[in-house]
Amino acid sequence: MMTSKGLRLEAYTVQCPQEVLIVTLEIQGTPDQVAIFKGFSSSLMCPTAFDPEVPVIPEDAEIQAIDRLHSPYNPNTPRYIDRALSWNAFEPLLVQVGV
Protein backbone atom coordinates (compact mmCIF):
# COMPACT_ATOMS: atom_id res chain seq x y z
CA MET A 1 0.00 0.00 0.00
CA MET A 2 1.19 3.54 -0.77
CA THR A 3 2.28 5.44 2.30
CA SER A 4 2.40 9.00 0.95
CA LYS A 5 -0.81 10.84 1.70
CA GLY A 6 -0.48 12.84 -1.52
CA LEU A 7 -0.08 9.70 -3.64
CA ARG A 8 -3.01 8.06 -1.91
CA LEU A 9 -5.22 11.08 -2.58
CA GLU A 10 -4.15 11.10 -6.24
CA ALA A 11 -4.90 7.36 -6.51
CA TYR A 12 -8.32 7.96 -4.96
CA THR A 13 -9.21 10.44 -7.72
CA VAL A 14 -8.17 7.89 -10.35
CA GLN A 15 -10.58 5.41 -8.77
CA CYS A 16 -13.28 8.11 -8.38
CA PRO A 17 -12.89 10.27 -11.53
CA GLN A 18 -16.25 11.94 -10.89
CA GLU A 19 -14.72 13.71 -7.87
CA VAL A 20 -12.33 16.59 -7.35
CA LEU A 21 -10.53 16.95 -4.04
CA ILE A 22 -9.57 20.34 -2.63
CA VAL A 23 -7.01 19.82 0.12
CA THR A 24 -6.27 22.63 2.57
CA LEU A 25 -2.87 22.13 4.15
CA GLU A 26 0.22 23.69 5.57
CA ILE A 27 3.74 23.02 4.31
CA GLN A 28 6.50 24.14 6.68
CA GLY A 29 4.29 26.91 8.05
CA THR A 30 3.05 28.07 4.65
CA PRO A 31 -0.67 27.65 3.92
CA ASP A 32 -1.61 26.02 0.62
CA GLN A 33 -4.62 24.61 -1.14
CA VAL A 34 -4.25 21.76 -3.65
CA ALA A 35 -6.73 20.55 -6.24
CA ILE A 36 -6.53 16.84 -7.14
CA PHE A 37 -8.36 15.43 -10.16
CA LYS A 38 -7.89 12.15 -12.05
CA GLY A 39 -4.56 11.47 -10.39
CA PHE A 40 -2.99 14.89 -10.83
CA SER A 41 -2.33 17.53 -8.16
CA SER A 42 -1.93 21.26 -8.61
CA SER A 43 -1.43 23.95 -6.02
CA LEU A 44 -3.99 26.73 -6.13
CA MET A 45 -1.81 29.11 -4.10
CA CYS A 46 1.84 28.28 -4.82
CA PRO A 47 3.82 27.41 -7.96
CA THR A 48 3.50 23.76 -9.00
CA ALA A 49 6.61 22.01 -10.36
CA PHE A 50 6.50 21.09 -14.06
CA ASP A 51 7.91 17.66 -13.21
CA PRO A 52 5.02 15.34 -12.23
CA GLU A 53 7.48 13.28 -10.16
CA VAL A 54 7.86 16.18 -7.70
CA PRO A 55 5.12 15.73 -5.07
CA VAL A 56 2.76 18.67 -4.66
CA ILE A 57 1.87 17.39 -1.17
CA PRO A 58 5.18 16.54 0.55
CA GLU A 59 5.49 14.00 3.36
CA ASP A 60 5.78 16.72 6.01
CA ALA A 61 2.59 18.54 4.93
CA GLU A 62 -0.06 18.97 7.59
CA ILE A 63 -3.45 18.26 6.01
CA GLN A 64 -6.08 20.45 7.65
CA ALA A 65 -9.18 19.66 5.58
CA ILE A 66 -10.28 17.72 2.50
CA ASP A 67 -13.29 18.81 0.45
CA ARG A 68 -14.94 16.39 -1.98
CA LEU A 69 -16.61 18.00 -4.98
CA HIS A 70 -18.37 16.82 -8.12
CA SER A 71 -16.38 17.27 -11.31
CA PRO A 72 -16.05 19.32 -13.35
CA TYR A 73 -14.82 21.80 -10.75
CA ASN A 74 -16.01 25.36 -11.13
CA PRO A 75 -14.66 27.64 -8.38
CA ASN A 76 -17.57 30.05 -8.93
CA THR A 77 -20.21 27.37 -8.33
CA PRO A 78 -18.62 24.45 -6.46
CA ARG A 79 -20.82 21.39 -5.99
CA TYR A 80 -19.76 19.84 -2.69
CA ILE A 81 -20.20 16.17 -1.82
CA ASP A 82 -18.56 16.62 1.59
CA ARG A 83 -16.63 19.45 3.24
CA ALA A 84 -13.82 19.94 5.73
CA LEU A 85 -13.05 16.26 6.30
CA SER A 86 -10.04 15.51 8.47
CA TRP A 87 -7.45 12.99 7.28
CA ASN A 88 -8.85 10.48 9.80
CA ALA A 89 -12.39 10.99 8.47
CA PHE A 90 -11.26 10.66 4.84
CA GLU A 91 -9.01 7.62 5.27
CA PRO A 92 -11.90 5.07 5.33
CA LEU A 93 -12.86 6.29 1.84
CA LEU A 94 -9.32 5.53 0.67
CA VAL A 95 -9.54 2.04 2.12
CA GLN A 96 -12.97 1.56 0.55
CA VAL A 97 -11.53 2.09 -2.96
CA GLY A 98 -8.36 0.13 -2.19
CA VAL A 99 -5.72 2.86 -1.88
PDB file of N, CA and C in Angstrom:
ATOM      1  N   MET A   1       0.839  -1.181   0.000  1.00  0.00           N
ATOM      2  CA  MET A   1       0.000   0.000   0.000  1.00  0.00           C
ATOM      3  C   MET A   1       0.884   1.245   0.000  1.00  0.00           C
ATOM      4  N   MET A   2       0.446   2.291  -0.717  1.00  0.00           N
ATOM      5  CA  MET A   2       1.185   3.543  -0.768  1.00  0.00           C
ATOM      6  C   MET A   2       1.140   4.213   0.601  1.00  0.00           C
ATOM      7  N   THR A   3       2.257   4.796   0.999  1.00  0.00           N
ATOM      8  CA  THR A   3       2.280   5.441   2.302  1.00  0.00           C
ATOM      9  C   THR A   3       2.115   6.952   2.204  1.00  0.00           C
ATOM     10  N   SER A   4       2.513   7.553   1.092  1.00  0.00           N
ATOM     11  CA  SER A   4       2.404   8.996   0.946  1.00  0.00           C
ATOM     12  C   SER A   4       0.937   9.413   0.874  1.00  0.00           C
ATOM     13  N   LYS A   5       0.569  10.363   1.708  1.00  0.00           N
ATOM     14  CA  LYS A   5      -0.812  10.844   1.696  1.00  0.00           C
ATOM     15  C   LYS A   5      -1.163  11.456   0.344  1.00  0.00           C
ATOM     16  N   GLY A   6      -0.234  12.222  -0.218  1.00  0.00           N
ATOM     17  CA  GLY A   6      -0.480  12.838  -1.520  1.00  0.00           C
ATOM     18  C   GLY A   6      -0.717  11.808  -2.608  1.00  0.00           C
ATOM     19  N   LEU A   7       0.104  10.759  -2.635  1.00  0.00           N
ATOM     20  CA  LEU A   7      -0.076   9.703  -3.638  1.00  0.00           C
ATOM     21  C   LEU A   7      -1.384   8.955  -3.431  1.00  0.00           C
ATOM     22  N   ARG A   8      -1.746   8.743  -2.191  1.00  0.00           N
ATOM     23  CA  ARG A   8      -3.014   8.056  -1.910  1.00  0.00           C
ATOM     24  C   ARG A   8      -4.205   8.905  -2.361  1.00  0.00           C
ATOM     25  N   LEU A   9      -4.141  10.205  -2.133  1.00  0.00           N
ATOM     26  CA  LEU A   9      -5.225  11.083  -2.579  1.00  0.00           C
ATOM     27  C   LEU A   9      -5.315  11.107  -4.104  1.00  0.00           C
ATOM     28  N   GLU A  10      -4.157  11.145  -4.775  1.00  0.00           N
ATOM     29  CA  GLU A  10      -4.153  11.096  -6.239  1.00  0.00           C
ATOM     30  C   GLU A  10      -4.750   9.783  -6.737  1.00  0.00           C
ATOM     31  N   ALA A  11      -4.367   8.670  -6.118  1.00  0.00           N
ATOM     32  CA  ALA A  11      -4.896   7.361  -6.512  1.00  0.00           C
ATOM     33  C   ALA A  11      -6.405   7.295  -6.283  1.00  0.00           C
ATOM     34  N   TYR A  12      -6.877   7.928  -5.226  1.00  0.00           N
ATOM     35  CA  TYR A  12      -8.321   7.965  -4.962  1.00  0.00           C
ATOM     36  C   TYR A  12      -9.062   8.624  -6.125  1.00  0.00           C
ATOM     37  N   THR A  13      -8.515   9.734  -6.638  1.00  0.00           N
ATOM     38  CA  THR A  13      -9.211  10.437  -7.719  1.00  0.00           C
ATOM     39  C   THR A  13      -9.138   9.679  -9.038  1.00  0.00           C
ATOM     40  N   VAL A  14      -8.181   8.776  -9.176  1.00  0.00           N
ATOM     41  CA  VAL A  14      -8.167   7.893 -10.352  1.00  0.00           C
ATOM     42  C   VAL A  14      -9.316   6.895 -10.227  1.00  0.00           C
ATOM     43  N   GLN A  15      -9.511   6.366  -9.021  1.00  0.00           N
ATOM     44  CA  GLN A  15     -10.583   5.406  -8.771  1.00  0.00           C
ATOM     45  C   GLN A  15     -11.968   6.075  -8.763  1.00  0.00           C
ATOM     46  N   CYS A  16     -12.009   7.358  -8.465  1.00  0.00           N
ATOM     47  CA  CYS A  16     -13.276   8.109  -8.382  1.00  0.00           C
ATOM     48  C   CYS A  16     -13.178   9.346  -9.285  1.00  0.00           C
ATOM     49  N   PRO A  17     -13.130   9.147 -10.613  1.00  0.00           N
ATOM     50  CA  PRO A  17     -12.893  10.272 -11.525  1.00  0.00           C
ATOM     51  C   PRO A  17     -14.020  11.305 -11.562  1.00  0.00           C
ATOM     52  N   GLN A  18     -15.142  10.997 -10.949  1.00  0.00           N
ATOM     53  CA  GLN A  18     -16.248  11.944 -10.891  1.00  0.00           C
ATOM     54  C   GLN A  18     -16.072  12.947  -9.748  1.00  0.00           C
ATOM     55  N   GLU A  19     -14.972  12.818  -9.004  1.00  0.00           N
ATOM     56  CA  GLU A  19     -14.719  13.706  -7.866  1.00  0.00           C
ATOM     57  C   GLU A  19     -13.463  14.539  -8.061  1.00  0.00           C
ATOM     58  N   VAL A  20     -13.495  15.720  -7.476  1.00  0.00           N
ATOM     59  CA  VAL A  20     -12.330  16.589  -7.351  1.00  0.00           C
ATOM     60  C   VAL A  20     -12.108  16.768  -5.854  1.00  0.00           C
ATOM     61  N   LEU A  21     -10.857  16.692  -5.438  1.00  0.00           N
ATOM     62  CA  LEU A  21     -10.528  16.954  -4.036  1.00  0.00           C
ATOM     63  C   LEU A  21      -9.847  18.311  -3.934  1.00  0.00           C
ATOM     64  N   ILE A  22     -10.260  19.107  -2.972  1.00  0.00           N
ATOM     65  CA  ILE A  22      -9.565  20.344  -2.631  1.00  0.00           C
ATOM     66  C   ILE A  22      -9.014  20.135  -1.226  1.00  0.00           C
ATOM     67  N   VAL A  23      -7.688  20.123  -1.141  1.00  0.00           N
ATOM     68  CA  VAL A  23      -7.010  19.823   0.120  1.00  0.00           C
ATOM     69  C   VAL A  23      -6.416  21.115   0.674  1.00  0.00           C
ATOM     70  N   THR A  24      -6.828  21.475   1.868  1.00  0.00           N
ATOM     71  CA  THR A  24      -6.269  22.626   2.567  1.00  0.00           C
ATOM     72  C   THR A  24      -5.197  22.091   3.501  1.00  0.00           C
ATOM     73  N   LEU A  25      -3.990  22.668   3.390  1.00  0.00           N
ATOM     74  CA  LEU A  25      -2.866  22.133   4.148  1.00  0.00           C
ATOM     75  C   LEU A  25      -1.862  23.214   4.465  1.00  0.00           C
ATOM     76  N   GLU A  26      -0.874  22.812   5.225  1.00  0.00           N
ATOM     77  CA  GLU A  26       0.225  23.694   5.570  1.00  0.00           C
ATOM     78  C   GLU A  26       1.522  22.947   5.317  1.00  0.00           C
ATOM     79  N   ILE A  27       2.442  23.616   4.607  1.00  0.00           N
ATOM     80  CA  ILE A  27       3.745  23.023   4.306  1.00  0.00           C
ATOM     81  C   ILE A  27       4.809  23.907   4.936  1.00  0.00           C
ATOM     82  N   GLN A  28       5.457  23.410   5.955  1.00  0.00           N
ATOM     83  CA  GLN A  28       6.500  24.140   6.683  1.00  0.00           C
ATOM     84  C   GLN A  28       6.037  25.548   7.055  1.00  0.00           C
ATOM     85  N   GLY A  29       4.827  25.642   7.594  1.00  0.00           N
ATOM     86  CA  GLY A  29       4.293  26.912   8.055  1.00  0.00           C
ATOM     87  C   GLY A  29       3.616  27.759   6.991  1.00  0.00           C
ATOM     88  N   THR A  30       3.655  27.320   5.742  1.00  0.00           N
ATOM     89  CA  THR A  30       3.046  28.072   4.649  1.00  0.00           C
ATOM     90  C   THR A  30       1.714  27.444   4.262  1.00  0.00           C
ATOM     91  N   PRO A  31       0.624  28.211   4.314  1.00  0.00           N
ATOM     92  CA  PRO A  31      -0.669  27.646   3.919  1.00  0.00           C
ATOM     93  C   PRO A  31      -0.722  27.391   2.415  1.00  0.00           C
ATOM     94  N   ASP A  32      -1.447  26.362   2.029  1.00  0.00           N
ATOM     95  CA  ASP A  32      -1.612  26.022   0.621  1.00  0.00           C
ATOM     96  C   ASP A  32      -2.962  25.348   0.445  1.00  0.00           C
ATOM     97  N   GLN A  33      -3.408  25.336  -0.772  1.00  0.00           N
ATOM     98  CA  GLN A  33      -4.617  24.613  -1.140  1.00  0.00           C
ATOM     99  C   GLN A  33      -4.298  23.900  -2.448  1.00  0.00           C
ATOM    100  N   VAL A  34      -4.602  22.598  -2.502  1.00  0.00           N
ATOM    101  CA  VAL A  34      -4.246  21.765  -3.647  1.00  0.00           C
ATOM    102  C   VAL A  34      -5.509  21.136  -4.218  1.00  0.00           C
ATOM    103  N   ALA A  35      -5.644  21.234  -5.540  1.00  0.00           N
ATOM    104  CA  ALA A  35      -6.729  20.552  -6.239  1.00  0.00           C
ATOM    105  C   ALA A  35      -6.179  19.243  -6.785  1.00  0.00           C
ATOM    106  N   ILE A  36      -6.936  18.155  -6.632  1.00  0.00           N
ATOM    107  CA  ILE A  36      -6.528  16.845  -7.139  1.00  0.00           C
ATOM    108  C   ILE A  36      -7.675  16.301  -7.982  1.00  0.00           C
ATOM    109  N   PHE A  37      -7.347  15.926  -9.231  1.00  0.00           N
ATOM    110  CA  PHE A  37      -8.356  15.425 -10.164  1.00  0.00           C
ATOM    111  C   PHE A  37      -7.724  14.400 -11.090  1.00  0.00           C
ATOM    112  N   LYS A  38      -8.335  13.243 -11.175  1.00  0.00           N
ATOM    113  CA  LYS A  38      -7.894  12.152 -12.051  1.00  0.00           C
ATOM    114  C   LYS A  38      -6.403  11.853 -11.910  1.00  0.00           C
ATOM    115  N   GLY A  39      -5.930  11.861 -10.665  1.00  0.00           N
ATOM    116  CA  GLY A  39      -4.560  11.467 -10.387  1.00  0.00           C
ATOM    117  C   GLY A  39      -3.525  12.565 -10.461  1.00  0.00           C
ATOM    118  N   PHE A  40      -3.941  13.790 -10.713  1.00  0.00           N
ATOM    119  CA  PHE A  40      -2.992  14.894 -10.825  1.00  0.00           C
ATOM    120  C   PHE A  40      -3.291  15.956  -9.782  1.00  0.00           C
ATOM    121  N   SER A  41      -2.216  16.498  -9.193  1.00  0.00           N
ATOM    122  CA  SER A  41      -2.328  17.526  -8.163  1.00  0.00           C
ATOM    123  C   SER A  41      -1.787  18.843  -8.686  1.00  0.00           C
ATOM    124  N   SER A  42      -2.413  19.933  -8.257  1.00  0.00           N
ATOM    125  CA  SER A  42      -1.931  21.257  -8.612  1.00  0.00           C
ATOM    126  C   SER A  42      -2.236  22.210  -7.464  1.00  0.00           C
ATOM    127  N   SER A  43      -1.225  22.969  -7.078  1.00  0.00           N
ATOM    128  CA  SER A  43      -1.427  23.951  -6.019  1.00  0.00           C
ATOM    129  C   SER A  43      -2.254  25.108  -6.564  1.00  0.00           C
ATOM    130  N   LEU A  44      -3.182  25.579  -5.761  1.00  0.00           N
ATOM    131  CA  LEU A  44      -3.991  26.731  -6.130  1.00  0.00           C
ATOM    132  C   LEU A  44      -3.407  28.032  -5.595  1.00  0.00           C
ATOM    133  N   MET A  45      -2.366  27.927  -4.751  1.00  0.00           N
ATOM    134  CA  MET A  45      -1.815  29.114  -4.104  1.00  0.00           C
ATOM    135  C   MET A  45      -0.318  29.304  -4.329  1.00  0.00           C
ATOM    136  N   CYS A  46       0.384  28.243  -4.665  1.00  0.00           N
ATOM    137  CA  CYS A  46       1.836  28.282  -4.823  1.00  0.00           C
ATOM    138  C   CYS A  46       2.208  27.708  -6.187  1.00  0.00           C
ATOM    139  N   PRO A  47       3.404  28.010  -6.684  1.00  0.00           N
ATOM    140  CA  PRO A  47       3.818  27.411  -7.956  1.00  0.00           C
ATOM    141  C   PRO A  47       3.858  25.883  -7.852  1.00  0.00           C
ATOM    142  N   THR A  48       3.457  25.222  -8.919  1.00  0.00           N
ATOM    143  CA  THR A  48       3.502  23.762  -9.003  1.00  0.00           C
ATOM    144  C   THR A  48       4.637  23.387  -9.939  1.00  0.00           C
ATOM    145  N   ALA A  49       5.475  22.445  -9.538  1.00  0.00           N
ATOM    146  CA  ALA A  49       6.606  22.009 -10.365  1.00  0.00           C
ATOM    147  C   ALA A  49       6.099  21.430 -11.682  1.00  0.00           C
ATOM    148  N   PHE A  50       6.861  21.650 -12.757  1.00  0.00           N
ATOM    149  CA  PHE A  50       6.505  21.091 -14.056  1.00  0.00           C
ATOM    150  C   PHE A  50       6.690  19.585 -14.086  1.00  0.00           C
ATOM    151  N   ASP A  51       7.608  19.089 -13.254  1.00  0.00           N
ATOM    152  CA  ASP A  51       7.910  17.657 -13.212  1.00  0.00           C
ATOM    153  C   ASP A  51       6.850  16.942 -12.381  1.00  0.00           C
ATOM    154  N   PRO A  52       6.062  16.040 -12.998  1.00  0.00           N
ATOM    155  CA  PRO A  52       5.019  15.344 -12.233  1.00  0.00           C
ATOM    156  C   PRO A  52       5.562  14.404 -11.164  1.00  0.00           C
ATOM    157  N   GLU A  53       6.869  14.130 -11.181  1.00  0.00           N
ATOM    158  CA  GLU A  53       7.484  13.282 -10.161  1.00  0.00           C
ATOM    159  C   GLU A  53       7.732  14.041  -8.856  1.00  0.00           C
ATOM    160  N   VAL A  54       7.677  15.370  -8.904  1.00  0.00           N
ATOM    161  CA  VAL A  54       7.864  16.181  -7.698  1.00  0.00           C
ATOM    162  C   VAL A  54       6.514  16.265  -6.989  1.00  0.00           C
ATOM    163  N   PRO A  55       6.421  15.748  -5.758  1.00  0.00           N
ATOM    164  CA  PRO A  55       5.123  15.730  -5.074  1.00  0.00           C
ATOM    165  C   PRO A  55       4.635  17.138  -4.735  1.00  0.00           C
ATOM    166  N   VAL A  56       3.370  17.389  -5.007  1.00  0.00           N
ATOM    167  CA  VAL A  56       2.756  18.667  -4.658  1.00  0.00           C
ATOM    168  C   VAL A  56       2.455  18.692  -3.157  1.00  0.00           C
ATOM    169  N   ILE A  57       2.110  17.520  -2.614  1.00  0.00           N
ATOM    170  CA  ILE A  57       1.874  17.388  -1.168  1.00  0.00           C
ATOM    171  C   ILE A  57       3.037  16.585  -0.588  1.00  0.00           C
ATOM    172  N   PRO A  58       4.029  17.268   0.001  1.00  0.00           N
ATOM    173  CA  PRO A  58       5.177  16.543   0.548  1.00  0.00           C
ATOM    174  C   PRO A  58       4.814  15.764   1.813  1.00  0.00           C
ATOM    175  N   GLU A  59       5.704  14.862   2.182  1.00  0.00           N
ATOM    176  CA  GLU A  59       5.489  14.001   3.357  1.00  0.00           C
ATOM    177  C   GLU A  59       5.234  14.800   4.635  1.00  0.00           C
ATOM    178  N   ASP A  60       5.895  15.957   4.765  1.00  0.00           N
ATOM    179  CA  ASP A  60       5.780  16.720   6.009  1.00  0.00           C
ATOM    180  C   ASP A  60       4.603  17.700   6.010  1.00  0.00           C
ATOM    181  N   ALA A  61       3.755  17.650   4.988  1.00  0.00           N
ATOM    182  CA  ALA A  61       2.592  18.538   4.935  1.00  0.00           C
ATOM    183  C   ALA A  61       1.589  18.163   6.021  1.00  0.00           C
ATOM    184  N   GLU A  62       0.984  19.178   6.590  1.00  0.00           N
ATOM    185  CA  GLU A  62      -0.064  18.967   7.595  1.00  0.00           C
ATOM    186  C   GLU A  62      -1.415  19.220   6.922  1.00  0.00           C
ATOM    187  N   ILE A  63      -2.148  18.140   6.652  1.00  0.00           N
ATOM    188  CA  ILE A  63      -3.454  18.263   6.008  1.00  0.00           C
ATOM    189  C   ILE A  63      -4.465  18.739   7.043  1.00  0.00           C
ATOM    190  N   GLN A  64      -5.109  19.855   6.733  1.00  0.00           N
ATOM    191  CA  GLN A  64      -6.077  20.446   7.653  1.00  0.00           C
ATOM    192  C   GLN A  64      -7.512  20.075   7.297  1.00  0.00           C
ATOM    193  N   ALA A  65      -7.811  19.983   5.995  1.00  0.00           N
ATOM    194  CA  ALA A  65      -9.180  19.661   5.577  1.00  0.00           C
ATOM    195  C   ALA A  65      -9.173  19.154   4.144  1.00  0.00           C
ATOM    196  N   ILE A  66     -10.105  18.251   3.853  1.00  0.00           N
ATOM    197  CA  ILE A  66     -10.284  17.723   2.503  1.00  0.00           C
ATOM    198  C   ILE A  66     -11.744  17.930   2.123  1.00  0.00           C
ATOM    199  N   ASP A  67     -11.948  18.622   0.996  1.00  0.00           N
ATOM    200  CA  ASP A  67     -13.291  18.808   0.450  1.00  0.00           C
ATOM    201  C   ASP A  67     -13.456  17.890  -0.752  1.00  0.00           C
ATOM    202  N   ARG A  68     -14.593  17.224  -0.826  1.00  0.00           N
ATOM    203  CA  ARG A  68     -14.942  16.387  -1.978  1.00  0.00           C
ATOM    204  C   ARG A  68     -15.981  17.145  -2.799  1.00  0.00           C
ATOM    205  N   LEU A  69     -15.698  17.282  -4.100  1.00  0.00           N
ATOM    206  CA  LEU A  69     -16.607  18.000  -4.979  1.00  0.00           C
ATOM    207  C   LEU A  69     -16.898  17.171  -6.220  1.00  0.00           C
ATOM    208  N   HIS A  70     -18.046  17.444  -6.840  1.00  0.00           N
ATOM    209  CA  HIS A  70     -18.366  16.825  -8.120  1.00  0.00           C
ATOM    210  C   HIS A  70     -17.516  17.482  -9.200  1.00  0.00           C
ATOM    211  N   SER A  71     -17.056  16.685 -10.160  1.00  0.00           N
ATOM    212  CA  SER A  71     -16.382  17.266 -11.315  1.00  0.00           C
ATOM    213  C   SER A  71     -17.429  17.522 -12.391  1.00  0.00           C
ATOM    214  N   PRO A  72     -17.216  18.443 -13.289  1.00  0.00           N
ATOM    215  CA  PRO A  72     -16.047  19.321 -13.346  1.00  0.00           C
ATOM    216  C   PRO A  72     -16.107  20.398 -12.255  1.00  0.00           C
ATOM    217  N   TYR A  73     -14.932  20.814 -11.819  1.00  0.00           N
ATOM    218  CA  TYR A  73     -14.815  21.799 -10.753  1.00  0.00           C
ATOM    219  C   TYR A  73     -14.954  23.204 -11.332  1.00  0.00           C
ATOM    220  N   ASN A  74     -15.860  23.960 -10.781  1.00  0.00           N
ATOM    221  CA  ASN A  74     -16.010  25.363 -11.132  1.00  0.00           C
ATOM    222  C   ASN A  74     -15.907  26.149  -9.826  1.00  0.00           C
ATOM    223  N   PRO A  75     -14.834  26.928  -9.655  1.00  0.00           N
ATOM    224  CA  PRO A  75     -14.659  27.636  -8.382  1.00  0.00           C
ATOM    225  C   PRO A  75     -15.770  28.653  -8.101  1.00  0.00           C
ATOM    226  N   ASN A  76     -16.475  29.094  -9.139  1.00  0.00           N
ATOM    227  CA  ASN A  76     -17.566  30.052  -8.935  1.00  0.00           C
ATOM    228  C   ASN A  76     -18.838  29.384  -8.429  1.00  0.00           C
ATOM    229  N   THR A  77     -19.020  28.106  -8.772  1.00  0.00           N
ATOM    230  CA  THR A  77     -20.209  27.366  -8.329  1.00  0.00           C
ATOM    231  C   THR A  77     -19.812  25.942  -7.950  1.00  0.00           C
ATOM    232  N   PRO A  78     -19.043  25.799  -6.866  1.00  0.00           N
ATOM    233  CA  PRO A  78     -18.620  24.450  -6.464  1.00  0.00           C
ATOM    234  C   PRO A  78     -19.812  23.608  -6.018  1.00  0.00           C
ATOM    235  N   ARG A  79     -19.763  22.319  -6.378  1.00  0.00           N
ATOM    236  CA  ARG A  79     -20.824  21.385  -5.990  1.00  0.00           C
ATOM    237  C   ARG A  79     -20.215  20.377  -5.016  1.00  0.00           C
ATOM    238  N   TYR A  80     -20.389  20.645  -3.734  1.00  0.00           N
ATOM    239  CA  TYR A  80     -19.765  19.839  -2.692  1.00  0.00           C
ATOM    240  C   TYR A  80     -20.491  18.517  -2.469  1.00  0.00           C
ATOM    241  N   ILE A  81     -19.695  17.468  -2.284  1.00  0.00           N
ATOM    242  CA  ILE A  81     -20.197  16.174  -1.825  1.00  0.00           C
ATOM    243  C   ILE A  81     -20.050  16.126  -0.309  1.00  0.00           C
ATOM    244  N   ASP A  82     -18.881  16.594   0.159  1.00  0.00           N
ATOM    245  CA  ASP A  82     -18.556  16.621   1.585  1.00  0.00           C
ATOM    246  C   ASP A  82     -17.527  17.716   1.800  1.00  0.00           C
ATOM    247  N   ARG A  83     -17.537  18.335   2.979  1.00  0.00           N
ATOM    248  CA  ARG A  83     -16.628  19.451   3.238  1.00  0.00           C
ATOM    249  C   ARG A  83     -15.865  19.264   4.540  1.00  0.00           C
ATOM    250  N   ALA A  84     -14.651  19.814   4.526  1.00  0.00           N
ATOM    251  CA  ALA A  84     -13.818  19.936   5.729  1.00  0.00           C
ATOM    252  C   ALA A  84     -13.601  18.612   6.453  1.00  0.00           C
ATOM    253  N   LEU A  85     -13.352  17.552   5.684  1.00  0.00           N
ATOM    254  CA  LEU A  85     -13.048  16.259   6.299  1.00  0.00           C
ATOM    255  C   LEU A  85     -11.613  16.260   6.806  1.00  0.00           C
ATOM    256  N   SER A  86     -11.400  15.702   7.970  1.00  0.00           N
ATOM    257  CA  SER A  86     -10.037  15.509   8.470  1.00  0.00           C
ATOM    258  C   SER A  86      -9.421  14.314   7.745  1.00  0.00           C
ATOM    259  N   TRP A  87      -8.100  14.158   7.869  1.00  0.00           N
ATOM    260  CA  TRP A  87      -7.454  12.990   7.283  1.00  0.00           C
ATOM    261  C   TRP A  87      -8.066  11.713   7.853  1.00  0.00           C
ATOM    262  N   ASN A  88      -8.279  11.673   9.165  1.00  0.00           N
ATOM    263  CA  ASN A  88      -8.848  10.477   9.797  1.00  0.00           C
ATOM    264  C   ASN A  88     -10.258  10.177   9.299  1.00  0.00           C
ATOM    265  N   ALA A  89     -11.033  11.200   8.996  1.00  0.00           N
ATOM    266  CA  ALA A  89     -12.386  10.990   8.475  1.00  0.00           C
ATOM    267  C   ALA A  89     -12.359  10.555   7.013  1.00  0.00           C
ATOM    268  N   PHE A  90     -11.343  10.995   6.266  1.00  0.00           N
ATOM    269  CA  PHE A  90     -11.260  10.663   4.840  1.00  0.00           C
ATOM    270  C   PHE A  90     -10.637   9.291   4.594  1.00  0.00           C
ATOM    271  N   GLU A  91      -9.757   8.867   5.480  1.00  0.00           N
ATOM    272  CA  GLU A  91      -9.007   7.623   5.270  1.00  0.00           C
ATOM    273  C   GLU A  91      -9.889   6.400   5.009  1.00  0.00           C
ATOM    274  N   PRO A  92     -11.049   6.226   5.668  1.00  0.00           N
ATOM    275  CA  PRO A  92     -11.898   5.075   5.330  1.00  0.00           C
ATOM    276  C   PRO A  92     -12.353   5.061   3.867  1.00  0.00           C
ATOM    277  N   LEU A  93     -12.508   6.240   3.260  1.00  0.00           N
ATOM    278  CA  LEU A  93     -12.862   6.294   1.837  1.00  0.00           C
ATOM    279  C   LEU A  93     -11.718   5.772   0.975  1.00  0.00           C
ATOM    280  N   LEU A  94     -10.490   6.056   1.383  1.00  0.00           N
ATOM    281  CA  LEU A  94      -9.319   5.534   0.668  1.00  0.00           C
ATOM    282  C   LEU A  94      -9.298   4.011   0.738  1.00  0.00           C
ATOM    283  N   VAL A  95      -9.530   3.496   1.925  1.00  0.00           N
ATOM    284  CA  VAL A  95      -9.539   2.042   2.123  1.00  0.00           C
ATOM    285  C   VAL A  95     -10.666   1.411   1.310  1.00  0.00           C
ATOM    286  N   GLN A  96     -11.802   2.071   1.273  1.00  0.00           N
ATOM    287  CA  GLN A  96     -12.966   1.556   0.551  1.00  0.00           C
ATOM    288  C   GLN A  96     -12.678   1.349  -0.938  1.00  0.00           C
ATOM    289  N   VAL A  97     -11.862   2.236  -1.537  1.00  0.00           N
ATOM    290  CA  VAL A  97     -11.534   2.088  -2.961  1.00  0.00           C
ATOM    291  C   VAL A  97     -10.195   1.375  -3.177  1.00  0.00           C
ATOM    292  N   GLY A  98      -9.565   0.942  -2.087  1.00  0.00           N
ATOM    293  CA  GLY A  98      -8.359   0.130  -2.192  1.00  0.00           C
ATOM    294  C   GLY A  98      -7.061   0.879  -2.350  1.00  0.00           C
ATOM    295  N   VAL A  99      -6.997   2.117  -1.816  1.00  0.00           N
ATOM    296  CA  VAL A  99      -5.725   2.858  -1.884  1.00  0.00           C
ATOM    297  C   VAL A  99      -5.279   3.298  -0.501  1.00  0.00           C
TER     298      VAL A  99
END
